[in-house]
N, C-alpha and C. Protein backbone atom coordinates (compact mmCIF):
# COMPACT_ATOMS: atom_id res chain seq x y z
N MET A 1 4.22 -132.94 2.45
CA MET A 1 3.01 -132.49 1.80
C MET A 1 3.01 -133.02 0.37
N ILE A 2 1.92 -133.59 -0.10
CA ILE A 2 1.80 -134.03 -1.47
C ILE A 2 1.20 -132.91 -2.29
N ARG A 3 1.88 -132.65 -3.43
CA ARG A 3 1.32 -131.64 -4.32
C ARG A 3 0.31 -132.29 -5.28
N LYS A 4 -0.73 -131.46 -5.50
CA LYS A 4 -1.76 -131.93 -6.44
C LYS A 4 -1.35 -131.56 -7.84
N SER A 5 -1.38 -132.51 -8.70
CA SER A 5 -1.00 -132.29 -10.11
C SER A 5 -2.23 -131.81 -10.88
N LYS A 6 -2.02 -130.94 -11.82
CA LYS A 6 -3.06 -130.44 -12.70
C LYS A 6 -3.40 -131.52 -13.77
N THR A 7 -2.51 -132.45 -14.02
CA THR A 7 -2.74 -133.48 -15.04
C THR A 7 -3.43 -134.69 -14.43
N LYS A 8 -4.06 -135.46 -15.22
CA LYS A 8 -4.70 -136.67 -14.78
C LYS A 8 -3.66 -137.66 -14.28
N GLN A 9 -4.01 -138.38 -13.28
CA GLN A 9 -3.08 -139.45 -12.76
C GLN A 9 -3.11 -140.58 -13.77
N PRO A 10 -2.02 -141.34 -13.88
CA PRO A 10 -1.92 -142.43 -14.86
C PRO A 10 -3.06 -143.52 -14.64
N TYR A 11 -3.44 -143.71 -13.37
CA TYR A 11 -4.45 -144.74 -13.15
C TYR A 11 -5.81 -144.34 -13.69
N HIS A 12 -6.01 -143.09 -14.00
CA HIS A 12 -7.30 -142.69 -14.61
C HIS A 12 -7.55 -143.28 -16.01
N LYS A 13 -6.46 -143.76 -16.60
CA LYS A 13 -6.56 -144.33 -17.97
C LYS A 13 -6.80 -145.81 -17.93
N THR A 14 -6.93 -146.40 -16.75
CA THR A 14 -7.11 -147.85 -16.60
C THR A 14 -8.59 -148.19 -16.49
N PRO A 15 -8.94 -149.47 -16.55
CA PRO A 15 -10.35 -149.88 -16.33
C PRO A 15 -10.86 -149.44 -14.95
N PHE A 16 -9.95 -149.14 -14.04
CA PHE A 16 -10.32 -148.73 -12.70
C PHE A 16 -10.47 -147.21 -12.58
N GLY A 17 -10.32 -146.53 -13.66
CA GLY A 17 -10.31 -145.08 -13.62
C GLY A 17 -11.54 -144.42 -12.98
N GLU A 18 -12.74 -144.97 -13.22
CA GLU A 18 -13.88 -144.36 -12.62
C GLU A 18 -13.88 -144.48 -11.08
N TYR A 19 -13.45 -145.60 -10.56
CA TYR A 19 -13.32 -145.78 -9.14
C TYR A 19 -12.31 -144.81 -8.61
N MET A 20 -11.19 -144.62 -9.29
CA MET A 20 -10.18 -143.74 -8.80
C MET A 20 -10.61 -142.32 -8.77
N ARG A 21 -11.33 -141.92 -9.85
CA ARG A 21 -11.88 -140.55 -9.87
C ARG A 21 -12.83 -140.30 -8.69
N ARG A 22 -13.65 -141.31 -8.41
CA ARG A 22 -14.58 -141.14 -7.26
C ARG A 22 -13.83 -141.07 -5.99
N LEU A 23 -12.74 -141.86 -5.84
CA LEU A 23 -11.92 -141.80 -4.63
C LEU A 23 -11.18 -140.41 -4.49
N ASP A 24 -10.87 -139.84 -5.62
CA ASP A 24 -10.29 -138.48 -5.60
C ASP A 24 -11.18 -137.56 -4.83
N GLU A 25 -12.52 -137.67 -5.13
CA GLU A 25 -13.51 -136.83 -4.41
C GLU A 25 -13.70 -137.27 -2.97
N VAL A 26 -13.83 -138.58 -2.73
CA VAL A 26 -14.04 -139.10 -1.36
C VAL A 26 -12.92 -138.73 -0.46
N ASP A 27 -11.67 -138.77 -0.93
CA ASP A 27 -10.50 -138.51 -0.13
C ASP A 27 -10.05 -137.06 -0.21
N LYS A 28 -10.81 -136.22 -0.85
CA LYS A 28 -10.42 -134.76 -0.90
C LYS A 28 -10.29 -134.23 0.49
N GLY A 29 -9.19 -133.63 0.78
CA GLY A 29 -8.92 -133.04 2.08
C GLY A 29 -8.32 -133.97 3.10
N VAL A 30 -8.14 -135.24 2.69
CA VAL A 30 -7.49 -136.17 3.64
C VAL A 30 -6.02 -135.97 3.58
N ARG A 31 -5.40 -135.91 4.77
CA ARG A 31 -3.95 -135.73 4.82
C ARG A 31 -3.24 -137.06 4.52
N TYR A 32 -2.36 -137.02 3.57
CA TYR A 32 -1.56 -138.18 3.16
C TYR A 32 -0.23 -138.13 3.86
N GLY A 33 -0.17 -138.47 5.07
CA GLY A 33 1.11 -138.53 5.80
C GLY A 33 1.80 -139.87 5.51
N LYS A 34 2.98 -140.02 6.06
CA LYS A 34 3.78 -141.25 5.86
C LYS A 34 2.96 -142.44 6.29
N GLU A 35 2.18 -142.31 7.35
CA GLU A 35 1.49 -143.45 7.92
C GLU A 35 0.17 -143.82 7.17
N PHE A 36 -0.26 -143.01 6.27
CA PHE A 36 -1.55 -143.29 5.63
C PHE A 36 -1.56 -144.62 4.89
N GLY A 37 -0.47 -144.99 4.19
CA GLY A 37 -0.42 -146.26 3.59
C GLY A 37 -0.53 -147.43 4.59
N SER A 38 0.13 -147.24 5.74
CA SER A 38 0.06 -148.28 6.80
C SER A 38 -1.36 -148.38 7.33
N ILE A 39 -2.06 -147.27 7.45
CA ILE A 39 -3.42 -147.26 7.91
C ILE A 39 -4.30 -148.01 6.89
N LEU A 40 -4.08 -147.78 5.61
CA LEU A 40 -4.87 -148.49 4.59
C LEU A 40 -4.56 -149.99 4.61
N ILE A 41 -3.33 -150.37 4.82
CA ILE A 41 -2.99 -151.78 4.87
C ILE A 41 -3.76 -152.47 6.02
N LEU A 42 -3.75 -151.78 7.19
CA LEU A 42 -4.51 -152.31 8.31
C LEU A 42 -5.95 -152.34 8.08
N THR A 43 -6.52 -151.38 7.31
CA THR A 43 -7.95 -151.36 6.91
C THR A 43 -8.24 -152.58 6.09
N VAL A 44 -7.37 -152.91 5.13
CA VAL A 44 -7.62 -154.12 4.32
C VAL A 44 -7.69 -155.34 5.19
N LEU A 45 -6.76 -155.44 6.16
CA LEU A 45 -6.75 -156.60 7.05
C LEU A 45 -8.00 -156.66 7.90
N GLU A 46 -8.43 -155.49 8.41
CA GLU A 46 -9.66 -155.42 9.22
C GLU A 46 -10.89 -155.88 8.41
N GLU A 47 -10.98 -155.34 7.19
CA GLU A 47 -12.11 -155.72 6.35
C GLU A 47 -12.11 -157.19 5.95
N LEU A 48 -10.90 -157.72 5.73
CA LEU A 48 -10.74 -159.14 5.41
C LEU A 48 -11.29 -159.99 6.63
N GLY A 49 -10.93 -159.56 7.79
CA GLY A 49 -11.44 -160.26 8.98
C GLY A 49 -12.97 -160.21 9.07
N GLU A 50 -13.47 -159.06 8.78
CA GLU A 50 -14.98 -158.90 8.82
C GLU A 50 -15.63 -159.77 7.73
N MET A 51 -15.01 -159.86 6.58
CA MET A 51 -15.56 -160.70 5.54
C MET A 51 -15.51 -162.18 5.92
N ALA A 52 -14.43 -162.60 6.49
CA ALA A 52 -14.26 -163.97 6.94
C ALA A 52 -15.31 -164.29 7.98
N ARG A 53 -15.49 -163.42 8.96
CA ARG A 53 -16.45 -163.55 10.02
C ARG A 53 -17.90 -163.70 9.48
N ALA A 54 -18.22 -162.81 8.47
CA ALA A 54 -19.57 -162.88 7.90
C ALA A 54 -19.72 -164.19 7.06
N TYR A 55 -18.73 -164.59 6.35
CA TYR A 55 -18.77 -165.78 5.52
C TYR A 55 -18.96 -166.97 6.39
N LEU A 56 -18.19 -167.08 7.45
CA LEU A 56 -18.25 -168.24 8.34
C LEU A 56 -19.60 -168.30 9.09
N ALA A 57 -20.15 -167.10 9.37
CA ALA A 57 -21.44 -167.05 10.03
C ALA A 57 -22.51 -167.66 9.16
N LYS A 58 -22.34 -167.53 7.85
CA LYS A 58 -23.39 -168.06 6.91
C LYS A 58 -23.05 -169.43 6.44
N HIS A 59 -21.80 -169.70 6.10
CA HIS A 59 -21.41 -170.94 5.44
C HIS A 59 -20.51 -171.87 6.22
N GLY A 60 -20.01 -171.37 7.31
CA GLY A 60 -18.93 -172.20 7.99
C GLY A 60 -19.39 -172.74 9.35
N ARG A 61 -18.42 -172.85 10.20
CA ARG A 61 -18.65 -173.51 11.51
C ARG A 61 -19.39 -172.55 12.50
N LYS A 62 -19.44 -171.29 12.13
CA LYS A 62 -20.00 -170.29 13.07
C LYS A 62 -21.50 -169.96 12.75
N GLY A 63 -22.23 -170.88 12.28
CA GLY A 63 -23.63 -170.65 11.94
C GLY A 63 -24.49 -170.11 12.96
N THR A 64 -24.11 -170.28 14.25
CA THR A 64 -24.87 -169.79 15.36
C THR A 64 -24.45 -168.38 15.81
N ASN A 65 -23.46 -167.76 15.11
CA ASN A 65 -23.00 -166.47 15.48
C ASN A 65 -23.94 -165.40 14.99
N VAL A 66 -24.97 -165.09 15.85
CA VAL A 66 -26.01 -164.24 15.44
C VAL A 66 -25.48 -162.79 15.22
N ALA A 67 -24.49 -162.33 16.01
CA ALA A 67 -23.92 -161.00 15.86
C ALA A 67 -23.34 -160.84 14.49
N ALA A 68 -22.56 -161.81 14.00
CA ALA A 68 -21.96 -161.76 12.69
C ALA A 68 -23.04 -161.75 11.58
N GLN A 69 -24.08 -162.50 11.82
CA GLN A 69 -25.14 -162.56 10.80
C GLN A 69 -25.91 -161.23 10.73
N MET A 70 -25.91 -160.47 11.80
CA MET A 70 -26.62 -159.18 11.81
C MET A 70 -25.79 -158.09 11.14
N ASP A 71 -24.47 -158.27 11.05
CA ASP A 71 -23.61 -157.30 10.43
C ASP A 71 -23.75 -157.38 8.89
N GLU A 72 -22.85 -156.68 8.20
CA GLU A 72 -22.89 -156.69 6.75
C GLU A 72 -22.61 -158.13 6.22
N THR A 73 -23.06 -158.41 5.01
CA THR A 73 -22.83 -159.69 4.39
C THR A 73 -21.39 -159.77 3.91
N TYR A 74 -20.92 -160.94 3.65
CA TYR A 74 -19.55 -161.06 3.18
C TYR A 74 -19.41 -160.45 1.80
N GLU A 75 -20.46 -160.42 1.00
CA GLU A 75 -20.40 -159.73 -0.26
C GLU A 75 -20.14 -158.20 -0.09
N GLN A 76 -20.85 -157.65 0.92
CA GLN A 76 -20.67 -156.24 1.16
C GLN A 76 -19.23 -155.97 1.71
N GLU A 77 -18.79 -156.87 2.54
CA GLU A 77 -17.42 -156.75 3.09
C GLU A 77 -16.38 -156.86 2.04
N LEU A 78 -16.62 -157.67 0.98
CA LEU A 78 -15.72 -157.80 -0.15
C LEU A 78 -15.59 -156.44 -0.84
N GLY A 79 -16.67 -155.75 -0.99
CA GLY A 79 -16.64 -154.40 -1.57
C GLY A 79 -15.82 -153.48 -0.76
N ASP A 80 -15.90 -153.55 0.57
CA ASP A 80 -15.11 -152.74 1.49
C ASP A 80 -13.57 -153.03 1.27
N ILE A 81 -13.26 -154.30 1.17
CA ILE A 81 -11.89 -154.68 0.93
C ILE A 81 -11.37 -154.11 -0.39
N MET A 82 -12.18 -154.22 -1.38
CA MET A 82 -11.74 -153.71 -2.74
C MET A 82 -11.53 -152.18 -2.70
N VAL A 83 -12.42 -151.48 -2.08
CA VAL A 83 -12.24 -149.99 -1.92
C VAL A 83 -10.96 -149.69 -1.17
N SER A 84 -10.71 -150.42 -0.13
CA SER A 84 -9.42 -150.20 0.67
C SER A 84 -8.21 -150.46 -0.22
N ILE A 85 -8.28 -151.51 -1.03
CA ILE A 85 -7.17 -151.80 -1.99
C ILE A 85 -7.02 -150.69 -3.03
N PHE A 86 -8.15 -150.24 -3.57
CA PHE A 86 -8.16 -149.14 -4.57
C PHE A 86 -7.51 -147.91 -3.94
N ARG A 87 -7.92 -147.59 -2.72
CA ARG A 87 -7.36 -146.39 -2.04
C ARG A 87 -5.86 -146.49 -1.93
N PHE A 88 -5.41 -147.68 -1.46
CA PHE A 88 -3.95 -147.92 -1.32
C PHE A 88 -3.24 -147.75 -2.70
N ALA A 89 -3.78 -148.42 -3.67
CA ALA A 89 -3.18 -148.36 -5.04
C ALA A 89 -3.17 -146.90 -5.52
N ARG A 90 -4.17 -146.12 -5.22
CA ARG A 90 -4.27 -144.75 -5.69
C ARG A 90 -3.18 -143.89 -5.06
N ILE A 91 -3.04 -143.99 -3.76
CA ILE A 91 -2.00 -143.10 -3.18
C ILE A 91 -0.59 -143.56 -3.49
N LYS A 92 -0.42 -144.83 -3.74
CA LYS A 92 0.91 -145.35 -4.15
C LYS A 92 1.14 -145.36 -5.64
N LYS A 93 0.13 -144.85 -6.39
CA LYS A 93 0.17 -144.79 -7.85
C LYS A 93 0.51 -146.14 -8.51
N ILE A 94 -0.22 -147.14 -8.02
CA ILE A 94 -0.05 -148.53 -8.51
C ILE A 94 -1.11 -148.74 -9.60
N ASP A 95 -0.73 -149.15 -10.78
CA ASP A 95 -1.67 -149.46 -11.89
C ASP A 95 -2.28 -150.85 -11.66
N LEU A 96 -3.47 -150.88 -11.07
CA LEU A 96 -4.13 -152.18 -10.76
C LEU A 96 -4.38 -152.99 -11.98
N HIS A 97 -4.74 -152.43 -13.08
CA HIS A 97 -4.94 -153.17 -14.29
C HIS A 97 -3.64 -153.93 -14.66
N GLN A 98 -2.52 -153.25 -14.59
CA GLN A 98 -1.27 -153.88 -14.89
C GLN A 98 -0.91 -154.95 -13.92
N ARG A 99 -1.15 -154.74 -12.60
CA ARG A 99 -0.83 -155.70 -11.56
C ARG A 99 -1.70 -156.96 -11.73
N ILE A 100 -3.03 -156.75 -12.00
CA ILE A 100 -3.95 -157.87 -12.13
C ILE A 100 -3.62 -158.68 -13.37
N THR A 101 -3.30 -158.00 -14.47
CA THR A 101 -2.88 -158.68 -15.68
C THR A 101 -1.66 -159.56 -15.45
N TYR A 102 -0.67 -158.99 -14.77
CA TYR A 102 0.57 -159.72 -14.43
C TYR A 102 0.22 -160.98 -13.61
N SER A 103 -0.64 -160.82 -12.61
CA SER A 103 -0.94 -161.95 -11.77
C SER A 103 -1.71 -163.03 -12.51
N LEU A 104 -2.66 -162.59 -13.36
CA LEU A 104 -3.38 -163.57 -14.15
C LEU A 104 -2.44 -164.31 -15.16
N ASP A 105 -1.52 -163.59 -15.73
CA ASP A 105 -0.55 -164.25 -16.61
C ASP A 105 0.29 -165.27 -15.85
N LYS A 106 0.66 -164.88 -14.63
CA LYS A 106 1.52 -165.76 -13.77
C LYS A 106 0.75 -167.02 -13.46
N ILE A 107 -0.53 -166.90 -13.11
CA ILE A 107 -1.35 -168.07 -12.80
C ILE A 107 -1.52 -168.95 -14.05
N GLY A 108 -1.71 -168.32 -15.20
CA GLY A 108 -1.84 -169.10 -16.42
C GLY A 108 -0.56 -169.87 -16.74
N LYS A 109 0.62 -169.25 -16.54
CA LYS A 109 1.84 -169.96 -16.76
C LYS A 109 2.04 -171.13 -15.83
N ARG A 110 1.59 -171.00 -14.61
CA ARG A 110 1.72 -172.11 -13.67
C ARG A 110 0.87 -173.32 -14.05
N GLN A 111 -0.25 -173.03 -14.66
CA GLN A 111 -1.11 -174.18 -15.16
C GLN A 111 -0.41 -174.91 -16.25
N ILE A 112 0.38 -174.24 -17.05
CA ILE A 112 1.08 -174.86 -18.17
C ILE A 112 2.34 -175.51 -17.59
N THR A 113 3.09 -174.76 -16.82
CA THR A 113 4.34 -175.22 -16.26
C THR A 113 4.31 -175.01 -14.76
N PRO A 114 3.92 -176.04 -14.01
CA PRO A 114 3.82 -175.91 -12.53
C PRO A 114 5.13 -175.53 -11.88
N LYS A 115 5.04 -174.73 -10.83
CA LYS A 115 6.18 -174.29 -10.09
C LYS A 115 6.78 -175.49 -9.36
N VAL A 116 8.11 -175.63 -9.39
CA VAL A 116 8.77 -176.75 -8.77
C VAL A 116 9.50 -176.34 -7.52
């Protein structure tokens, strides 16, 4: 059982804080068992597949896939992916601002000094 803290979570102080606060409300009452992180990882993969399907239906080889075109757009699916990532980061207490900054710095360094 996860205890609810009376203090704000550290991620509330990040640029993603508003999203995390909203997720606190959305996920209120959800049981956070050991498998919840695994479920969220699978959700990210599912949403990624849906986004790829929607994108290919519009811009790729699957232009005749009417079913995919009737579903949500790839832009909407991207939002679903991001929310799934935010939920995962929230339950694992990952500071997304810190992780994204790290990744952007890493990409910047590779442009200066390519990986060998």
